[in-house]
Amino acid sequence: MSNEEKIEESREAGKTESQEEKPTVNRQSSTEDPSTETESEISNLPTEEVGPKSEITNMEVHHHPHVEKKSFKEYLLEGIMIFIAVTMGFIAESIRENITKHEKEHHLMEMLVQDLKKDIIQLDTIQNRSKIKLAYLDTLRQFVFAEIDNELSDSACKKMYYIDARFGNSGLAYRFVPIDRALSQLEKTDAYNFISRQNVSDSILNYKGNNTTLIDDYQIIREYYQIKAHEVSQQIFKSSLVDNLIAGTTKIYEGILQSNKKFTLLTRDKNVLEIYGSKLRDNRLFFGYYTNTLIPAQQARAERLITLIENEYHLKKE
């Protein structure tokens, strides 16, 4: 056998051996459990898919985006824009607060004018009532001093009882109680800072202070002069004569003048009558000052303040 024939024979033998070594795959059943595959079969599966995933992973890990650095001018421009935005926001907030402040100030001034007008009406009523009381106190004082010299008639004595019962210890009808709706709001919310006109603020504070003075002065007059006179009157007038008459009439105190009872004084002691007359004089003097000086002065302040507010805030005059 020649050498060429030997080589050809050995090639054929190698092919035959390699075909015999290839594993055979059983295709008869497609329902076999996949877990029965051998490790050698799993290792022979294609691995071409591993390559592309690995390449994607490597690309993601090693990718570095290029960030362009900003210049100093760009940073400066951004800072200026932020500053302008903050400033504009601050200005807008200040404008909004000023508008709110102006609206609140205007509303308080309108409310205060309404309160002042009610105060004026109340002061006018008190003054009219007080003048009537003053006139009756003068009459009572004259009767007392007349009684010292001569015993008064039953009619005159009846009038003394009437005046003492009606005016001797009266209080609420002559006390000024200011309408403090607006003033209390100014006080509680510290809204005096909202008042942009200094002259208006000063006038309001002046009026408020004189309200307090008027109230305090009346209380002093009542406690130290009216009540002191009334305490002495209890030694002169018999209260049991008038109690039922006052309670049983439609018009209070009118029953005293209409009564047929005989009215007499508890005492005609000159010293007691002199003290009572002196107390009535003091009461009449200071109550007259309250009526004819303090009340008109406060009325004038209220009127001036109304005029000032209406002019400064251009309020509609009624």
Protein backbone atom coordinates (compact mmCIF):
# COMPACT_ATOMS: atom_id res chain seq x y z
CA MET A 1 0.00 0.00 0.00
CA SER A 2 1.30 3.28 -0.97
CA ASN A 3 1.70 6.21 1.36
CA GLU A 4 -1.20 8.14 -0.18
CA GLU A 5 -3.55 5.25 0.36
CA LYS A 6 -2.48 5.04 4.03
CA ILE A 7 -3.22 8.71 4.60
CA GLU A 8 -6.63 8.45 2.96
CA GLU A 9 -7.51 5.48 5.10
CA SER A 10 -6.55 7.19 8.32
CA ARG A 11 -8.77 10.22 7.39
CA GLU A 12 -11.76 8.00 6.85
CA ALA A 13 -11.15 6.29 10.19
CA GLY A 14 -11.04 9.69 12.00
CA LYS A 15 -14.36 10.79 10.55
CA THR A 16 -15.98 7.56 11.63
CA GLU A 17 -14.73 7.96 15.22
CA SER A 18 -15.90 11.55 15.49
CA GLN A 19 -19.40 10.64 14.34
CA GLU A 20 -19.56 7.88 16.91
CA GLU A 21 -18.54 10.28 19.73
CA LYS A 22 -21.36 12.82 18.99
CA PRO A 23 -24.15 12.52 21.56
CA THR A 24 -27.53 11.47 20.37
CA VAL A 25 -30.58 13.55 21.36
CA ASN A 26 -33.83 11.75 22.12
CA ARG A 27 -36.55 13.62 20.23
CA GLN A 28 -39.32 11.11 20.78
CA SER A 29 -40.96 12.99 23.70
CA SER A 30 -41.23 16.75 24.14
CA THR A 31 -42.80 16.42 27.60
CA GLU A 32 -39.69 15.22 29.41
CA ASP A 33 -38.62 17.22 32.50
CA PRO A 34 -36.03 19.83 31.51
CA SER A 35 -34.20 19.13 34.72
CA THR A 36 -33.02 15.79 33.32
CA GLU A 37 -30.54 17.55 31.08
CA THR A 38 -27.02 16.68 31.94
CA GLU A 39 -24.35 19.18 32.84
CA SER A 40 -22.53 18.41 29.61
CA GLU A 41 -25.62 19.28 27.59
CA ILE A 42 -26.00 22.63 29.43
CA SER A 43 -22.37 23.42 28.87
CA ASN A 44 -22.80 22.84 25.14
CA LEU A 45 -25.53 25.52 24.82
CA PRO A 46 -24.66 28.54 22.68
CA THR A 47 -23.02 31.41 24.55
CA GLU A 48 -23.15 34.07 21.89
CA GLU A 49 -25.66 36.19 23.91
CA VAL A 50 -23.22 36.85 26.77
CA GLY A 51 -21.01 38.98 24.64
CA PRO A 52 -23.44 41.86 23.76
CA LYS A 53 -24.74 42.21 27.37
CA SER A 54 -21.23 42.46 28.65
CA GLU A 55 -20.43 45.10 26.08
CA ILE A 56 -23.55 47.21 27.11
CA THR A 57 -22.57 46.94 30.76
CA ASN A 58 -19.07 48.07 30.00
CA MET A 59 -20.40 51.02 28.01
CA GLU A 60 -22.64 52.15 30.91
CA VAL A 61 -19.93 51.89 33.51
CA HIS A 62 -17.25 53.72 31.60
CA HIS A 63 -19.45 56.51 30.09
CA HIS A 64 -18.42 59.99 31.39
CA PRO A 65 -20.63 62.85 30.05
CA HIS A 66 -18.82 66.01 29.29
CA VAL A 67 -19.84 68.94 31.58
CA GLU A 68 -19.03 72.36 30.31
CA LYS A 69 -17.61 74.67 32.97
CA LYS A 70 -19.38 78.04 33.49
CA SER A 71 -17.50 81.25 33.27
CA PHE A 72 -17.39 83.89 36.01
CA LYS A 73 -19.70 86.14 33.98
CA GLU A 74 -22.35 83.41 33.85
CA TYR A 75 -22.19 82.91 37.62
CA LEU A 76 -22.41 86.67 38.10
CA LEU A 77 -25.42 86.92 35.78
CA GLU A 78 -27.23 84.11 37.63
CA GLY A 79 -26.53 85.83 40.98
CA ILE A 80 -27.86 89.14 39.69
CA MET A 81 -31.02 87.46 38.38
CA ILE A 82 -31.63 85.75 41.74
CA PHE A 83 -31.09 89.04 43.56
CA ILE A 84 -33.53 90.83 41.26
CA ALA A 85 -36.15 88.07 41.74
CA VAL A 86 -35.85 88.25 45.54
CA THR A 87 -35.98 92.05 45.49
CA MET A 88 -39.03 92.12 43.28
CA GLY A 89 -40.77 89.61 45.54
CA PHE A 90 -39.97 91.75 48.56
CA ILE A 91 -41.28 94.87 46.81
CA ALA A 92 -44.47 93.09 45.77
CA GLU A 93 -45.04 91.90 49.34
CA SER A 94 -44.44 95.41 50.67
CA ILE A 95 -46.95 96.83 48.18
CA ARG A 96 -49.51 94.22 49.20
CA GLU A 97 -48.99 94.99 52.90
CA ASN A 98 -49.31 98.72 52.26
CA ILE A 99 -52.57 98.21 50.39
CA THR A 100 -53.93 96.04 53.21
CA LYS A 101 -52.75 98.58 55.78
CA HIS A 102 -54.37 101.46 53.88
CA GLU A 103 -57.68 99.58 53.57
CA LYS A 104 -57.70 98.74 57.27
CA GLU A 105 -56.85 102.32 58.21
CA HIS A 106 -59.65 103.66 56.02
CA HIS A 107 -62.14 101.18 57.49
CA LEU A 108 -61.18 102.08 61.07
CA MET A 109 -61.55 105.79 60.34
CA GLU A 110 -65.04 105.24 58.93
CA MET A 111 -65.97 103.22 62.01
CA LEU A 112 -64.51 105.86 64.34
CA VAL A 113 -66.53 108.63 62.70
CA GLN A 114 -69.71 106.60 63.26
CA ASP A 115 -68.78 106.07 66.92
CA LEU A 116 -68.00 109.76 67.42
CA LYS A 117 -71.38 110.77 66.06
CA LYS A 118 -73.06 108.43 68.56
CA ASP A 119 -70.91 109.90 71.33
CA ILE A 120 -72.09 113.40 70.43
CA ILE A 121 -75.74 112.32 70.60
CA GLN A 122 -75.15 110.70 73.99
CA LEU A 123 -73.30 113.75 75.34
CA ASP A 124 -76.08 116.01 74.17
CA THR A 125 -78.69 113.85 75.93
CA ILE A 126 -76.66 113.78 79.14
CA GLN A 127 -76.25 117.55 79.08
CA ASN A 128 -80.00 118.13 78.68
CA ARG A 129 -80.82 115.76 81.52
CA SER A 130 -78.12 117.27 83.70
CA LYS A 131 -79.49 120.78 83.24
CA ILE A 132 -82.90 119.59 84.44
CA LYS A 133 -81.27 117.98 87.46
CA LEU A 134 -79.32 121.15 88.25
CA ALA A 135 -82.50 123.20 88.21
CA TYR A 136 -84.22 120.81 90.65
CA LEU A 137 -81.16 120.73 92.94
CA ASP A 138 -81.31 124.53 93.12
CA THR A 139 -84.99 124.32 94.09
CA LEU A 140 -84.30 121.68 96.74
CA ARG A 141 -81.48 123.73 98.26
CA GLN A 142 -83.80 126.76 98.48
CA PHE A 143 -86.45 124.68 100.27
CA VAL A 144 -83.88 123.39 102.76
CA PHE A 145 -82.62 126.84 103.69
CA ALA A 146 -86.22 128.10 103.90
CA GLU A 147 -87.10 125.25 106.26
CA ILE A 148 -84.39 126.42 108.65
CA ASP A 149 -86.28 129.67 109.29
CA ASN A 150 -89.91 128.54 108.91
CA GLU A 151 -91.75 125.24 108.57
CA LEU A 152 -92.66 124.64 104.95
CA SER A 153 -96.14 123.93 103.68
CA ASP A 154 -97.27 120.42 102.86
CA SER A 155 -97.01 121.18 99.15
CA ALA A 156 -93.41 122.41 99.48
CA CYS A 157 -92.48 119.45 101.66
CA LYS A 158 -93.98 117.10 99.06
CA LYS A 159 -91.80 118.71 96.37
CA MET A 160 -88.72 118.21 98.56
CA TYR A 161 -89.51 114.49 98.79
CA TYR A 162 -90.05 114.33 95.04
CA ILE A 163 -86.72 116.03 94.21
CA ASP A 164 -84.74 113.96 96.70
CA ALA A 165 -86.26 110.68 95.44
CA ARG A 166 -85.73 111.50 91.77
CA PHE A 167 -82.40 113.35 91.75
CA GLY A 168 -80.82 112.85 95.16
CA ASN A 169 -78.99 109.61 94.34
CA SER A 170 -79.42 109.29 90.58
CA GLY A 171 -76.41 108.21 88.52
CA LEU A 172 -76.71 106.16 85.35
CA ALA A 173 -78.68 108.76 83.38
CA TYR A 174 -75.81 111.26 83.64
CA ARG A 175 -72.80 109.03 83.17
CA PHE A 176 -71.02 109.14 79.82
CA VAL A 177 -70.20 105.74 78.29
CA PRO A 178 -68.28 106.35 75.03
CA ILE A 179 -68.73 104.04 72.07
CA ASP A 180 -65.31 102.39 71.98
CA ARG A 181 -65.85 99.98 69.09
CA ALA A 182 -63.15 101.57 66.90
CA LEU A 183 -60.99 102.80 69.79
CA SER A 184 -60.79 99.31 71.28
CA GLN A 185 -59.66 97.87 67.94
CA LEU A 186 -57.00 100.54 67.67
CA GLU A 187 -55.84 99.60 71.15
CA LYS A 188 -55.96 95.81 70.88
CA THR A 189 -54.29 95.43 67.48
CA ASP A 190 -51.84 98.29 68.03
CA ALA A 191 -53.41 99.81 64.95
CA TYR A 192 -52.21 103.30 65.88
CA ASN A 193 -49.17 102.32 63.80
CA PHE A 194 -51.51 101.97 60.81
CA ILE A 195 -52.55 105.63 61.01
CA SER A 196 -50.47 107.43 58.43
CA ARG A 197 -51.55 110.95 59.50
CA GLN A 198 -49.79 112.06 62.66
CA ASN A 199 -52.30 114.83 63.35
CA VAL A 200 -55.16 112.34 63.20
CA SER A 201 -53.38 109.93 65.54
CA ASP A 202 -52.67 112.73 68.04
CA SER A 203 -56.27 113.94 67.96
CA ILE A 204 -57.63 110.42 68.51
CA LEU A 205 -55.36 109.90 71.52
CA ASN A 206 -56.36 113.31 72.89
CA TYR A 207 -60.06 112.50 72.54
CA LYS A 208 -59.60 109.05 74.11
CA GLY A 209 -57.70 110.55 77.04
CA ASN A 210 -60.44 113.13 77.67
CA ASN A 211 -63.05 110.36 77.59
CA THR A 212 -61.24 108.78 80.52
CA THR A 213 -61.00 112.15 82.31
CA LEU A 214 -64.72 112.82 81.85
CA ILE A 215 -65.66 109.41 83.22
CA ASP A 216 -63.29 109.75 86.20
CA ASP A 217 -64.48 113.28 87.02
CA TYR A 218 -68.11 112.19 87.06
CA GLN A 219 -67.26 109.31 89.37
CA ILE A 220 -65.49 111.68 91.74
CA ILE A 221 -68.46 114.10 91.74
CA ARG A 222 -70.86 111.26 92.44
CA GLU A 223 -68.86 109.61 95.22
CA TYR A 224 -67.61 112.68 97.06
CA TYR A 225 -70.50 115.11 96.60
CA GLN A 226 -73.74 113.45 95.51
CA ILE A 227 -73.51 110.39 97.75
CA LYS A 228 -72.31 112.49 100.70
CA ALA A 229 -75.38 114.74 100.32
CA HIS A 230 -77.64 111.69 100.01
CA GLU A 231 -76.29 110.23 103.24
CA VAL A 232 -77.33 113.38 105.12
CA SER A 233 -80.73 113.39 103.41
CA GLN A 234 -81.54 110.04 105.05
CA GLN A 235 -81.71 111.90 108.36
CA ILE A 236 -84.31 114.28 106.91
CA PHE A 237 -86.61 112.29 104.59
CA LYS A 238 -88.71 109.31 105.64
CA SER A 239 -88.23 106.69 102.91
CA SER A 240 -91.35 104.71 103.83
CA LEU A 241 -93.50 107.62 102.61
CA VAL A 242 -92.28 107.31 99.03
CA ASP A 243 -91.31 103.67 98.51
CA ASN A 244 -94.82 102.41 97.71
CA LEU A 245 -95.67 105.50 95.70
CA ILE A 246 -92.64 105.07 93.43
CA ALA A 247 -93.21 101.34 92.87
CA GLY A 248 -96.93 101.64 92.18
CA THR A 249 -96.95 104.29 89.44
CA THR A 250 -96.52 104.13 85.69
CA LYS A 251 -94.47 107.32 85.67
CA ILE A 252 -91.89 106.85 88.35
CA TYR A 253 -91.88 109.52 91.11
CA GLU A 254 -95.04 111.18 89.80
CA GLY A 255 -97.01 109.35 92.46
CA ILE A 256 -95.35 111.49 95.13
CA LEU A 257 -96.75 114.70 93.70
CA GLN A 258 -100.18 113.12 93.14
CA SER A 259 -100.42 111.56 96.60
CA ASN A 260 -102.91 112.76 99.24
CA LYS A 261 -100.53 111.79 102.04
CA LYS A 262 -99.21 114.40 104.44
CA PHE A 263 -95.43 114.65 104.03
CA THR A 264 -93.34 115.73 106.98
CA LEU A 265 -89.59 115.76 107.61
CA LEU A 266 -87.91 113.46 110.09
CA THR A 267 -86.16 116.41 111.66
CA ARG A 268 -86.13 120.20 111.58
CA ASP A 269 -82.80 120.36 113.35
CA LYS A 270 -81.04 123.44 112.00
CA ASN A 271 -77.56 121.87 112.14
CA VAL A 272 -78.69 118.88 110.09
CA LEU A 273 -80.47 121.12 107.59
CA GLU A 274 -77.42 123.40 107.34
CA ILE A 275 -75.12 120.44 106.63
CA TYR A 276 -77.56 119.09 104.06
CA GLY A 277 -77.83 122.48 102.36
CA SER A 278 -74.03 122.74 102.27
CA LYS A 279 -73.69 119.27 100.72
CA LEU A 280 -76.31 120.14 98.11
CA ARG A 281 -74.40 123.30 97.23
CA ASP A 282 -71.14 121.36 96.71
CA ASN A 283 -72.92 118.72 94.69
CA ARG A 284 -74.61 121.34 92.54
CA LEU A 285 -71.35 123.25 92.02
CA PHE A 286 -69.28 120.33 90.75
CA PHE A 287 -72.13 118.71 88.88
CA GLY A 288 -72.70 122.06 87.16
CA TYR A 289 -69.02 122.10 86.14
CA TYR A 290 -69.44 118.59 84.71
CA THR A 291 -72.61 119.62 82.84
CA ASN A 292 -71.67 123.05 81.55
CA THR A 293 -67.92 122.68 80.98
CA LEU A 294 -66.66 119.09 80.68
CA ILE A 295 -69.46 117.72 78.51
CA PRO A 296 -69.51 120.59 75.96
CA ALA A 297 -65.70 120.46 75.72
CA GLN A 298 -65.82 116.75 74.85
CA GLN A 299 -68.58 117.37 72.32
CA ALA A 300 -66.40 119.98 70.63
CA ARG A 301 -63.43 117.56 70.50
CA ALA A 302 -65.62 114.88 68.90
CA GLU A 303 -66.90 117.31 66.28
CA ARG A 304 -63.39 118.56 65.44
CA LEU A 305 -62.10 115.00 65.18
CA ILE A 306 -64.93 114.05 62.82
CA THR A 307 -64.15 117.01 60.58
CA LEU A 308 -60.44 116.21 60.59
CA ILE A 309 -60.94 112.54 59.68
CA GLU A 310 -63.45 113.29 56.95
CA ASN A 311 -61.09 115.82 55.37
CA GLU A 312 -57.92 113.71 55.67
CA TYR A 313 -59.49 110.50 54.37
CA HIS A 314 -61.98 112.10 51.97
CA LEU A 315 -64.94 110.42 53.62
CA LYS A 316 -68.46 111.13 52.50
CA LYS A 317 -70.06 113.67 54.82
CA GLU A 318 -73.56 112.90 56.01
